[in-house]
Protein backbone atom coordinates (compact mmCIF):
# COMPACT_ATOMS: atom_id res chain seq x y z
CA MET A 1 -7.83 33.71 9.69
CA MET A 2 -8.89 30.01 8.99
CA SER A 3 -13.02 28.98 8.98
CA ASN A 4 -13.85 25.59 10.66
CA ASP A 5 -14.91 24.26 7.22
CA GLU A 6 -11.30 24.30 5.93
CA GLU A 7 -9.16 21.42 6.29
CA PRO A 8 -5.44 22.44 7.65
CA VAL A 9 -2.77 22.18 4.97
CA GLY A 10 -0.57 19.72 7.47
CA LEU A 11 -3.02 17.53 7.03
CA LYS A 12 -3.53 17.63 3.83
CA ILE A 13 0.55 17.00 3.39
CA GLY A 14 0.28 14.16 5.84
CA GLU A 15 -2.00 12.17 4.20
CA LYS A 16 -0.40 12.50 0.87
CA PHE A 17 2.81 11.85 2.91
CA PHE A 18 1.05 8.43 4.30
CA GLY A 19 0.03 7.42 1.05
CA LEU A 20 3.21 7.51 -0.54
CA LEU A 21 4.48 5.42 2.36
CA ILE A 22 1.86 3.20 1.99
CA ILE A 23 2.88 2.49 -1.68
CA ILE A 24 6.47 2.11 -0.97
CA ILE A 25 5.76 -0.94 1.93
CA GLY A 26 3.09 -2.42 -0.63
CA VAL A 27 5.79 -2.36 -3.64
CA ILE A 28 8.68 -3.79 -1.32
CA VAL A 29 6.00 -6.59 0.22
CA PHE A 30 4.58 -7.15 -3.22
CA TYR A 31 8.48 -7.35 -5.03
CA PHE A 32 9.84 -9.77 -2.38
CA ALA A 33 6.58 -12.00 -2.36
CA PHE A 34 6.91 -12.02 -6.32
CA THR A 35 10.62 -12.84 -6.50
CA SER A 36 10.44 -15.23 -3.15
CA GLN A 37 7.88 -17.77 -4.83
CA SER A 38 10.34 -19.46 -7.35
CA ALA A 39 13.27 -19.70 -4.24
CA LEU A 40 10.78 -20.87 -1.87
CA SER A 41 9.22 -23.49 -3.91
CA ALA A 42 12.79 -24.83 -4.96
CA VAL A 43 13.57 -24.67 -1.00
CA VAL A 44 10.78 -26.29 0.46
CA PRO A 45 8.55 -27.58 -2.67
CA SER A 46 5.47 -28.77 0.08
CA VAL A 47 4.76 -24.66 0.65
CA PRO A 48 1.56 -24.02 -1.19
CA VAL A 49 1.22 -21.72 -3.50
CA LEU A 50 -0.87 -19.85 -1.71
CA VAL A 51 1.53 -18.89 1.11
CA PRO A 52 3.40 -16.75 -1.52
CA GLY A 53 -0.29 -15.39 -2.92
CA ILE A 54 -1.43 -13.83 0.51
CA PHE A 55 1.64 -11.78 0.57
CA LEU A 56 1.03 -10.79 -3.36
CA PHE A 57 -2.36 -10.14 -2.54
CA PHE A 58 -1.89 -7.67 0.45
CA GLY A 59 0.89 -5.87 -1.73
CA ALA A 60 -1.60 -5.03 -3.97
CA VAL A 61 -3.89 -3.92 -1.51
CA LEU A 62 -1.35 -1.60 0.03
CA LEU A 63 -0.95 -0.52 -3.35
CA LEU A 64 -4.04 0.29 -3.59
CA VAL A 65 -5.06 1.76 -0.61
CA GLY A 66 -1.87 4.21 -0.79
CA VAL A 67 -2.81 5.71 -4.46
CA LEU A 68 -6.45 6.25 -2.86
CA PHE A 69 -4.71 8.30 -0.10
CA ILE A 70 -2.71 10.14 -2.50
CA PHE A 71 -5.54 11.04 -4.89
CA ALA A 72 -8.36 11.62 -2.11
CA LYS A 73 -10.17 14.61 -2.69
CA GLU A 74 -12.08 15.99 0.03
CA HIS A 75 -15.87 16.16 -0.09
CA GLU A 76 -17.24 19.54 -0.83
CA GLU A 77 -20.86 20.71 -0.25
């Protein structure tokens, strides 16, 4: 029988899977923002660098959050 202090195994697996999913989404956002910078500036030269930079930043944040989900350990008392 499982004590009340233990975290269910399914929850741990779900957390790791969710972290991997966030990493994949972050890589896709980062890749498309990075590769579209030059194409976007060639089509619309007045677009500031800030627009793709925002997506690069959020892609990197998603990568970081996904890595934190994967490597997170439960707090032991």
